[in-house]
């Protein structure tokens, strides 16, 4: 296999409400156990709610940093490319 694609596809229910931040350069990030940026972040912030079933497509990203005490940290995040709401329920708004 000469080429491997970094791809993650999941179906589930977020365990928390998404959190959105805007940076000084007007970039937007929304996190809800996955990370979404820019236009996708805006869509997630409007449509994804805790407990509502969604399907996501994304990629894995590894992060490494050293805190102020010199301790090294590693984390892996799913960066969201696209999502589909599977559980509209009574609150269909998007």
PDB file of N, CA and C in Angstrom:
ATOM      1  N   UNK A   1       0.852  -1.158   0.000  1.00  0.00           N
ATOM      2  CA  UNK A   1       0.000   0.000   0.000  1.00  0.00           C
ATOM      3  C   UNK A   1       0.902   1.226   0.000  1.00  0.00           C
ATOM      4  N   UNK A   2       0.941   1.963  -1.074  1.00  0.00           N
ATOM      5  CA  UNK A   2       1.851   3.098  -1.185  1.00  0.00           C
ATOM      6  C   UNK A   2       1.305   4.367  -0.559  1.00  0.00           C
ATOM      7  N   UNK A   3       0.000   4.510  -0.490  1.00  0.00           N
ATOM      8  CA  UNK A   3      -0.586   5.722   0.066  1.00  0.00           C
ATOM      9  C   UNK A   3      -1.660   5.347   1.076  1.00  0.00           C
ATOM     10  N   UNK A   4      -1.587   5.969   2.244  1.00  0.00           N
ATOM     11  CA  UNK A   4      -2.613   5.760   3.258  1.00  0.00           C
ATOM     12  C   UNK A   4      -3.240   7.102   3.566  1.00  0.00           C
ATOM     13  N   UNK A   5      -4.528   7.101   3.705  1.00  0.00           N
ATOM     14  CA  UNK A   5      -5.253   8.336   4.004  1.00  0.00           C
ATOM     15  C   UNK A   5      -5.594   8.375   5.491  1.00  0.00           C
ATOM     16  N   UNK A   6      -5.351   9.501   6.101  1.00  0.00           N
ATOM     17  CA  UNK A   6      -5.705   9.715   7.494  1.00  0.00           C
ATOM     18  C   UNK A   6      -7.184  10.078   7.522  1.00  0.00           C
ATOM     19  N   UNK A   7      -8.033   9.131   7.892  1.00  0.00           N
ATOM     20  CA  UNK A   7      -9.467   9.370   7.845  1.00  0.00           C
ATOM     21  C   UNK A   7     -10.151   8.741   9.048  1.00  0.00           C
ATOM     22  N   UNK A   8     -11.074   9.505   9.651  1.00  0.00           N
ATOM     23  CA  UNK A   8     -11.860   9.027  10.780  1.00  0.00           C
ATOM     24  C   UNK A   8     -13.323   9.273  10.452  1.00  0.00           C
ATOM     25  N   UNK A   9     -14.158   8.249  10.608  1.00  0.00           N
ATOM     26  CA  UNK A   9     -15.595   8.393  10.429  1.00  0.00           C
ATOM     27  C   UNK A   9     -16.265   7.819  11.670  1.00  0.00           C
ATOM     28  N   UNK A  10     -17.103   8.641  12.300  1.00  0.00           N
ATOM     29  CA  UNK A  10     -17.764   8.236  13.532  1.00  0.00           C
ATOM     30  C   UNK A  10     -19.235   8.630  13.516  1.00  0.00           C
ATOM     31  N   UNK A  11     -20.040   7.844  14.225  1.00  0.00           N
ATOM     32  CA  UNK A  11     -21.430   8.203  14.483  1.00  0.00           C
ATOM     33  C   UNK A  11     -21.611   8.155  15.986  1.00  0.00           C
ATOM     34  N   UNK A  12     -22.197   9.194  16.539  1.00  0.00           N
ATOM     35  CA  UNK A  12     -22.412   9.216  17.979  1.00  0.00           C
ATOM     36  C   UNK A  12     -23.173  10.446  18.409  1.00  0.00           C
ATOM     37  N   UNK A  13     -23.186  10.643  19.711  1.00  0.00           N
ATOM     38  CA  UNK A  13     -23.889  11.781  20.312  1.00  0.00           C
ATOM     39  C   UNK A  13     -22.887  12.571  21.149  1.00  0.00           C
ATOM     40  N   UNK A  14     -22.730  13.864  20.897  1.00  0.00           N
ATOM     41  CA  UNK A  14     -21.819  14.667  21.713  1.00  0.00           C
ATOM     42  C   UNK A  14     -22.233  14.644  23.175  1.00  0.00           C
ATOM     43  N   UNK A  15     -21.249  14.536  24.062  1.00  0.00           N
ATOM     44  CA  UNK A  15     -21.522  14.504  25.486  1.00  0.00           C
ATOM     45  C   UNK A  15     -21.556  15.877  26.134  1.00  0.00           C
ATOM     46  N   UNK A  16     -21.285  16.913  25.340  1.00  0.00           N
ATOM     47  CA  UNK A  16     -21.295  18.285  25.862  1.00  0.00           C
ATOM     48  C   UNK A  16     -21.663  19.234  24.740  1.00  0.00           C
ATOM     49  N   UNK A  17     -22.113  20.426  25.104  1.00  0.00           N
ATOM     50  CA  UNK A  17     -22.409  21.454  24.102  1.00  0.00           C
ATOM     51  C   UNK A  17     -21.104  21.916  23.458  1.00  0.00           C
ATOM     52  N   UNK A  18     -21.114  22.227  22.163  1.00  0.00           N
ATOM     53  CA  UNK A  18     -19.914  22.743  21.511  1.00  0.00           C
ATOM     54  C   UNK A  18     -19.493  24.098  22.103  1.00  0.00           C
ATOM     55  N   UNK A  19     -18.182  24.335  22.163  1.00  0.00           N
ATOM     56  CA  UNK A  19     -17.628  25.612  22.610  1.00  0.00           C
ATOM     57  C   UNK A  19     -16.968  26.291  21.422  1.00  0.00           C
ATOM     58  N   UNK A  20     -17.319  27.568  21.168  1.00  0.00           N
ATOM     59  CA  UNK A  20     -16.800  28.310  20.019  1.00  0.00           C
ATOM     60  C   UNK A  20     -15.954  29.482  20.503  1.00  0.00           C
ATOM     61  N   UNK A  21     -14.814  29.695  19.842  1.00  0.00           N
ATOM     62  CA  UNK A  21     -13.943  30.846  20.105  1.00  0.00           C
ATOM     63  C   UNK A  21     -13.599  31.518  18.795  1.00  0.00           C
ATOM     64  N   UNK A  22     -13.452  32.843  18.835  1.00  0.00           N
ATOM     65  CA  UNK A  22     -12.998  33.618  17.678  1.00  0.00           C
ATOM     66  C   UNK A  22     -11.658  34.239  18.037  1.00  0.00           C
ATOM     67  N   UNK A  23     -10.690  34.123  17.125  1.00  0.00           N
ATOM     68  CA  UNK A  23      -9.360  34.660  17.349  1.00  0.00           C
ATOM     69  C   UNK A  23      -9.244  36.055  16.752  1.00  0.00           C
ATOM     70  N   UNK A  24      -8.157  36.763  17.073  1.00  0.00           N
ATOM     71  CA  UNK A  24      -7.923  38.120  16.575  1.00  0.00           C
ATOM     72  C   UNK A  24      -7.918  38.209  15.059  1.00  0.00           C
ATOM     73  N   UNK A  25      -7.491  37.133  14.381  1.00  0.00           N
ATOM     74  CA  UNK A  25      -7.464  37.142  12.917  1.00  0.00           C
ATOM     75  C   UNK A  25      -8.796  36.689  12.317  1.00  0.00           C
ATOM     76  N   UNK A  26      -9.859  36.680  13.132  1.00  0.00           N
ATOM     77  CA  UNK A  26     -11.224  36.307  12.740  1.00  0.00           C
ATOM     78  C   UNK A  26     -11.408  34.836  12.407  1.00  0.00           C
ATOM     79  N   UNK A  27     -10.417  33.996  12.684  1.00  0.00           N
ATOM     80  CA  UNK A  27     -10.620  32.559  12.534  1.00  0.00           C
ATOM     81  C   UNK A  27     -11.494  32.085  13.679  1.00  0.00           C
ATOM     82  N   UNK A  28     -12.311  31.091  13.410  1.00  0.00           N
ATOM     83  CA  UNK A  28     -13.241  30.545  14.395  1.00  0.00           C
ATOM     84  C   UNK A  28     -12.903  29.084  14.620  1.00  0.00           C
ATOM     85  N   UNK A  29     -12.963  28.649  15.867  1.00  0.00           N
ATOM     86  CA  UNK A  29     -12.789  27.233  16.188  1.00  0.00           C
ATOM     87  C   UNK A  29     -13.943  26.825  17.101  1.00  0.00           C
ATOM     88  N   UNK A  30     -14.501  25.648  16.825  1.00  0.00           N
ATOM     89  CA  UNK A  30     -15.541  25.064  17.673  1.00  0.00           C
ATOM     90  C   UNK A  30     -15.069  23.676  18.079  1.00  0.00           C
ATOM     91  N   UNK A  31     -15.154  23.382  19.361  1.00  0.00           N
ATOM     92  CA  UNK A  31     -14.738  22.079  19.879  1.00  0.00           C
ATOM     93  C   UNK A  31     -15.919  21.389  20.555  1.00  0.00           C
ATOM     94  N   UNK A  32     -16.065  20.100  20.283  1.00  0.00           N
ATOM     95  CA  UNK A  32     -17.050  19.264  20.984  1.00  0.00           C
ATOM     96  C   UNK A  32     -16.576  17.823  20.927  1.00  0.00           C
ATOM     97  N   UNK A  33     -15.463  17.544  21.500  1.00  0.00           N
ATOM     98  CA  UNK A  33     -14.700  16.295  21.415  1.00  0.00           C
ATOM     99  C   UNK A  33     -14.080  16.111  20.036  1.00  0.00           C
ATOM    100  N   UNK A  34     -14.399  16.974  19.107  1.00  0.00           N
ATOM    101  CA  UNK A  34     -13.663  17.114  17.843  1.00  0.00           C
ATOM    102  C   UNK A  34     -13.431  18.605  17.644  1.00  0.00           C
ATOM    103  N   UNK A  35     -12.578  18.953  16.692  1.00  0.00           N
ATOM    104  CA  UNK A  35     -12.242  20.348  16.443  1.00  0.00           C
ATOM    105  C   UNK A  35     -12.697  20.723  15.043  1.00  0.00           C
ATOM    106  N   UNK A  36     -13.412  21.826  14.926  1.00  0.00           N
ATOM    107  CA  UNK A  36     -13.863  22.336  13.627  1.00  0.00           C
ATOM    108  C   UNK A  36     -13.374  23.768  13.473  1.00  0.00           C
ATOM    109  N   UNK A  37     -12.993  24.149  12.266  1.00  0.00           N
ATOM    110  CA  UNK A  37     -12.477  25.494  12.004  1.00  0.00           C
ATOM    111  C   UNK A  37     -13.327  26.222  10.978  1.00  0.00           C
ATOM    112  N   UNK A  38     -13.333  27.533  11.060  1.00  0.00           N
ATOM    113  CA  UNK A  38     -13.879  28.453  10.067  1.00  0.00           C
ATOM    114  C   UNK A  38     -15.348  28.172   9.754  1.00  0.00           C
ATOM    115  N   UNK A  39     -15.723  28.015   8.489  1.00  0.00           N
ATOM    116  CA  UNK A  39     -17.139  27.840   8.121  1.00  0.00           C
ATOM    117  C   UNK A  39     -17.744  26.583   8.747  1.00  0.00           C
ATOM    118  N   UNK A  40     -16.957  25.511   8.801  1.00  0.00           N
ATOM    119  CA  UNK A  40     -17.457  24.289   9.437  1.00  0.00           C
ATOM    120  C   UNK A  40     -17.719  24.550  10.910  1.00  0.00           C
ATOM    121  N   UNK A  41     -16.848  25.323  11.558  1.00  0.00           N
ATOM    122  CA  UNK A  41     -17.038  25.679  12.969  1.00  0.00           C
ATOM    123  C   UNK A  41     -18.339  26.449  13.170  1.00  0.00           C
ATOM    124  N   UNK A  42     -18.633  27.369  12.259  1.00  0.00           N
ATOM    125  CA  UNK A  42     -19.872  28.138  12.345  1.00  0.00           C
ATOM    126  C   UNK A  42     -21.085  27.224  12.231  1.00  0.00           C
ATOM    127  N   UNK A  43     -21.046  26.277  11.283  1.00  0.00           N
ATOM    128  CA  UNK A  43     -22.159  25.341  11.091  1.00  0.00           C
ATOM    129  C   UNK A  43     -22.355  24.449  12.316  1.00  0.00           C
ATOM    130  N   UNK A  44     -21.237  23.975  12.881  1.00  0.00           N
ATOM    131  CA  UNK A  44     -21.309  23.135  14.078  1.00  0.00           C
ATOM    132  C   UNK A  44     -21.944  23.906  15.226  1.00  0.00           C
ATOM    133  N   UNK A  45     -21.497  25.143  15.438  1.00  0.00           N
ATOM    134  CA  UNK A  45     -22.009  25.956  16.541  1.00  0.00           C
ATOM    135  C   UNK A  45     -23.518  26.162  16.438  1.00  0.00           C
ATOM    136  N   UNK A  46     -24.025  26.260  15.230  1.00  0.00           N
ATOM    137  CA  UNK A  46     -25.461  26.466  15.031  1.00  0.00           C
ATOM    138  C   UNK A  46     -26.278  25.177  15.127  1.00  0.00           C
ATOM    139  N   UNK A  47     -25.714  24.059  14.685  1.00  0.00           N
ATOM    140  CA  UNK A  47     -26.518  22.861  14.495  1.00  0.00           C
ATOM    141  C   UNK A  47     -26.300  21.742  15.512  1.00  0.00           C
ATOM    142  N   UNK A  48     -25.095  21.586  16.019  1.00  0.00           N
ATOM    143  CA  UNK A  48     -24.794  20.443  16.890  1.00  0.00           C
ATOM    144  C   UNK A  48     -25.180  20.766  18.327  1.00  0.00           C
ATOM    145  N   UNK A  49     -25.903  19.858  18.937  1.00  0.00           N
ATOM    146  CA  UNK A  49     -26.342  20.005  20.323  1.00  0.00           C
ATOM    147  C   UNK A  49     -26.005  18.740  21.100  1.00  0.00           C
ATOM    148  N   UNK A  50     -25.758  18.905  22.377  1.00  0.00           N
ATOM    149  CA  UNK A  50     -25.470  17.774  23.252  1.00  0.00           C
ATOM    150  C   UNK A  50     -26.560  16.720  23.123  1.00  0.00           C
ATOM    151  N   UNK A  51     -26.153  15.456  22.924  1.00  0.00           N
ATOM    152  CA  UNK A  51     -27.089  14.348  22.887  1.00  0.00           C
ATOM    153  C   UNK A  51     -27.732  14.068  21.539  1.00  0.00           C
ATOM    154  N   UNK A  52     -27.591  14.972  20.563  1.00  0.00           N
ATOM    155  CA  UNK A  52     -28.178  14.754  19.234  1.00  0.00           C
ATOM    156  C   UNK A  52     -27.225  13.918  18.383  1.00  0.00           C
ATOM    157  N   UNK A  53     -27.741  12.918  17.719  1.00  0.00           N
ATOM    158  CA  UNK A  53     -26.904  11.997  16.956  1.00  0.00           C
ATOM    159  C   UNK A  53     -26.369  12.649  15.683  1.00  0.00           C
ATOM    160  N   UNK A  54     -25.041  12.492  15.464  1.00  0.00           N
ATOM    161  CA  UNK A  54     -24.400  13.032  14.267  1.00  0.00           C
ATOM    162  C   UNK A  54     -23.417  12.012  13.697  1.00  0.00           C
ATOM    163  N   UNK A  55     -23.133  12.160  12.431  1.00  0.00           N
ATOM    164  CA  UNK A  55     -22.070  11.399  11.760  1.00  0.00           C
ATOM    165  C   UNK A  55     -21.001  12.409  11.374  1.00  0.00           C
ATOM    166  N   UNK A  56     -19.738  12.056  11.627  1.00  0.00           N
ATOM    167  CA  UNK A  56     -18.650  12.975  11.292  1.00  0.00           C
ATOM    168  C   UNK A  56     -17.610  12.297  10.430  1.00  0.00           C
ATOM    169  N   UNK A  57     -16.926  13.114   9.648  1.00  0.00           N
ATOM    170  CA  UNK A  57     -15.790  12.691   8.829  1.00  0.00           C
ATOM    171  C   UNK A  57     -14.662  13.661   9.154  1.00  0.00           C
ATOM    172  N   UNK A  58     -13.496  13.137   9.493  1.00  0.00           N
ATOM    173  CA  UNK A  58     -12.390  14.014   9.848  1.00  0.00           C
ATOM    174  C   UNK A  58     -11.054  13.324   9.730  1.00  0.00           C
ATOM    175  N   UNK A  59     -10.035  13.976  10.277  1.00  0.00           N
ATOM    176  CA  UNK A  59      -8.680  13.440  10.283  1.00  0.00           C
ATOM    177  C   UNK A  59      -8.107  13.538  11.692  1.00  0.00           C
ATOM    178  N   UNK A  60      -7.159  12.655  12.008  1.00  0.00           N
ATOM    179  CA  UNK A  60      -6.484  12.695  13.292  1.00  0.00           C
ATOM    180  C   UNK A  60      -5.320  13.669  13.248  1.00  0.00           C
ATOM    181  N   UNK A  61      -5.164  14.460  14.299  1.00  0.00           N
ATOM    182  CA  UNK A  61      -4.025  15.384  14.433  1.00  0.00           C
ATOM    183  C   UNK A  61      -3.414  15.179  15.805  1.00  0.00           C
ATOM    184  N   UNK A  62      -2.109  15.030  15.837  1.00  0.00           N
ATOM    185  CA  UNK A  62      -1.382  14.898  17.095  1.00  0.00           C
ATOM    186  C   UNK A  62      -0.797  16.243  17.483  1.00  0.00           C
ATOM    187  N   UNK A  63      -0.917  16.581  18.767  1.00  0.00           N
ATOM    188  CA  UNK A  63      -0.372  17.830  19.308  1.00  0.00           C
ATOM    189  C   UNK A  63       0.611  17.504  20.416  1.00  0.00           C
ATOM    190  N   UNK A  64       1.667  18.294  20.488  1.00  0.00           N
ATOM    191  CA  UNK A  64       2.666  18.135  21.529  1.00  0.00           C
ATOM    192  C   UNK A  64       3.041  19.513  22.045  1.00  0.00           C
ATOM    193  N   UNK A  65       3.104  19.677  23.373  1.00  0.00           N
ATOM    194  CA  UNK A  65       3.510  20.950  23.948  1.00  0.00           C
ATOM    195  C   UNK A  65       4.136  20.704  25.316  1.00  0.00           C
ATOM    196  N   UNK A  66       4.872  21.705  25.775  1.00  0.00           N
ATOM    197  CA  UNK A  66       5.489  21.676  27.093  1.00  0.00           C
ATOM    198  C   UNK A  66       4.874  22.794  27.921  1.00  0.00           C
ATOM    199  N   UNK A  67       4.388  22.453  29.108  1.00  0.00           N
ATOM    200  CA  UNK A  67       3.750  23.465  29.950  1.00  0.00           C
ATOM    201  C   UNK A  67       4.804  24.296  30.690  1.00  0.00           C
ATOM    202  N   UNK A  68       4.362  25.257  31.483  1.00  0.00           N
ATOM    203  CA  UNK A  68       5.280  26.181  32.154  1.00  0.00           C
ATOM    204  C   UNK A  68       6.152  25.489  33.197  1.00  0.00           C
ATOM    205  N   UNK A  69       5.778  24.273  33.609  1.00  0.00           N
ATOM    206  CA  UNK A  69       6.574  23.501  34.562  1.00  0.00           C
ATOM    207  C   UNK A  69       7.554  22.553  33.872  1.00  0.00           C
ATOM    208  N   UNK A  70       7.606  22.617  32.540  1.00  0.00           N
ATOM    209  CA  UNK A  70       8.509  21.759  31.779  1.00  0.00           C
ATOM    210  C   UNK A  70       7.961  20.377  31.497  1.00  0.00           C
ATOM    211  N   UNK A  71       6.717  20.140  31.845  1.00  0.00           N
ATOM    212  CA  UNK A  71       6.086  18.829  31.599  1.00  0.00           C
ATOM    213  C   UNK A  71       5.634  18.735  30.158  1.00  0.00           C
ATOM    214  N   UNK A  72       5.998  17.646  29.494  1.00  0.00           N
ATOM    215  CA  UNK A  72       5.624  17.417  28.100  1.00  0.00           C
ATOM    216  C   UNK A  72       4.231  16.794  28.038  1.00  0.00           C
ATOM    217  N   UNK A  73       3.402  17.294  27.123  1.00  0.00           N
ATOM    218  CA  UNK A  73       2.035  16.790  26.952  1.00  0.00           C
ATOM    219  C   UNK A  73       1.829  16.367  25.499  1.00  0.00           C
ATOM    220  N   UNK A  74       1.052  15.314  25.319  1.00  0.00           N
ATOM    221  CA  UNK A  74       0.660  14.839  23.995  1.00  0.00           C
ATOM    222  C   UNK A  74      -0.854  14.692  23.974  1.00  0.00           C
ATOM    223  N   UNK A  75      -1.468  15.050  22.860  1.00  0.00           N
ATOM    224  CA  UNK A  75      -2.902  14.821  22.703  1.00  0.00           C
ATOM    225  C   UNK A  75      -3.194  14.507  21.243  1.00  0.00           C
ATOM    226  N   UNK A  76      -4.268  13.815  21.034  1.00  0.00           N
ATOM    227  CA  UNK A  76      -4.731  13.517  19.682  1.00  0.00           C
ATOM    228  C   UNK A  76      -6.144  14.064  19.561  1.00  0.00           C
ATOM    229  N   UNK A  77      -6.397  14.805  18.478  1.00  0.00           N
ATOM    230  CA  UNK A  77      -7.713  15.390  18.238  1.00  0.00           C
ATOM    231  C   UNK A  77      -8.237  14.906  16.891  1.00  0.00           C
ATOM    232  N   UNK A  78      -9.545  14.914  16.772  1.00  0.00           N
ATOM    233  CA  UNK A  78     -10.181  14.681  15.472  1.00  0.00           C
ATOM    234  C   UNK A  78     -10.539  16.043  14.906  1.00  0.00           C
ATOM    235  N   UNK A  79      -9.962  16.382  13.751  1.00  0.00           N
ATOM    236  CA  UNK A  79     -10.287  17.634  13.074  1.00  0.00           C
ATOM    237  C   UNK A  79     -11.392  17.352  12.067  1.00  0.00           C
ATOM    238  N   UNK A  80     -12.508  18.006  12.259  1.00  0.00           N
ATOM    239  CA  UNK A  80     -13.722  17.753  11.499  1.00  0.00           C
ATOM    240  C   UNK A  80     -13.646  18.330  10.088  1.00  0.00           C
ATOM    241  N   UNK A  81     -13.960  17.507   9.114  1.00  0.00           N
ATOM    242  CA  UNK A  81     -14.082  17.967   7.727  1.00  0.00           C
ATOM    243  C   UNK A  81     -15.541  18.219   7.368  1.00  0.00           C
ATOM    244  N   UNK A  82     -16.418  17.313   7.810  1.00  0.00           N
ATOM    245  CA  UNK A  82     -17.827  17.398   7.453  1.00  0.00           C
ATOM    246  C   UNK A  82     -18.655  16.655   8.497  1.00  0.00           C
ATOM    247  N   UNK A  83     -19.931  17.001   8.598  1.00  0.00           N
ATOM    248  CA  UNK A  83     -20.818  16.294   9.519  1.00  0.00           C
ATOM    249  C   UNK A  83     -22.234  16.284   8.959  1.00  0.00           C
ATOM    250  N   UNK A  84     -23.005  15.310   9.438  1.00  0.00           N
ATOM    251  CA  UNK A  84     -24.418  15.186   9.058  1.00  0.00           C
ATOM    252  C   UNK A  84     -25.210  14.989  10.344  1.00  0.00           C
ATOM    253  N   UNK A  85     -26.267  15.758  10.504  1.00  0.00           N
ATOM    254  CA  UNK A  85     -27.160  15.562  11.639  1.00  0.00           C
ATOM    255  C   UNK A  85     -28.059  14.370  11.349  1.00  0.00           C
ATOM    256  N   UNK A  86     -28.096  13.411  12.258  1.00  0.00           N
ATOM    257  CA  UNK A  86     -28.911  12.211  12.069  1.00  0.00           C
ATOM    258  C   UNK A  86     -30.150  12.223  12.944  1.00  0.00           C
ATOM    259  N   UNK A  87     -30.178  13.081  13.948  1.00  0.00           N
ATOM    260  CA  UNK A  87     -31.240  13.089  14.946  1.00  0.00           C
ATOM    261  C   UNK A  87     -31.824  14.495  15.048  1.00  0.00           C
ATOM    262  N   UNK A  88     -32.741  14.818  14.149  1.00  0.00           N
ATOM    263  CA  UNK A  88     -33.308  16.164  14.148  1.00  0.00           C
ATOM    264  C   UNK A  88     -34.267  16.379  15.296  1.00  0.00           C
ATOM    265  N   UNK A  89     -35.092  15.403  15.600  1.00  0.00           N
ATOM    266  CA  UNK A  89     -36.066  15.554  16.672  1.00  0.00           C
ATOM    267  C   UNK A  89     -37.026  16.697  16.399  1.00  0.00           C
ATOM    268  N   UNK A  90     -37.516  17.348  17.453  1.00  0.00           N
ATOM    269  CA  UNK A  90     -38.474  18.449  17.335  1.00  0.00           C
ATOM    270  C   UNK A  90     -37.799  19.765  17.002  1.00  0.00           C
ATOM    271  N   UNK A  91     -36.469  19.877  17.221  1.00  0.00           N
ATOM    272  CA  UNK A  91     -35.781  21.159  17.094  1.00  0.00           C
ATOM    273  C   UNK A  91     -35.090  21.341  15.753  1.00  0.00           C
ATOM    274  N   UNK A  92     -35.723  20.988  14.669  1.00  0.00           N
ATOM    275  CA  UNK A  92     -35.109  21.101  13.353  1.00  0.00           C
ATOM    276  C   UNK A  92     -34.964  22.595  13.004  1.00  0.00           C
ATOM    277  N   UNK A  93     -33.690  23.076  12.947  1.00  0.00           N
ATOM    278  CA  UNK A  93     -33.473  24.495  12.669  1.00  0.00           C
ATOM    279  C   UNK A  93     -32.474  24.720  11.557  1.00  0.00           C
ATOM    280  N   UNK A  94     -31.612  23.777  11.257  1.00  0.00           N
ATOM    281  CA  UNK A  94     -30.563  24.033  10.253  1.00  0.00           C
ATOM    282  C   UNK A  94     -30.983  23.604   8.872  1.00  0.00           C
TER     283      UNK A  94
END
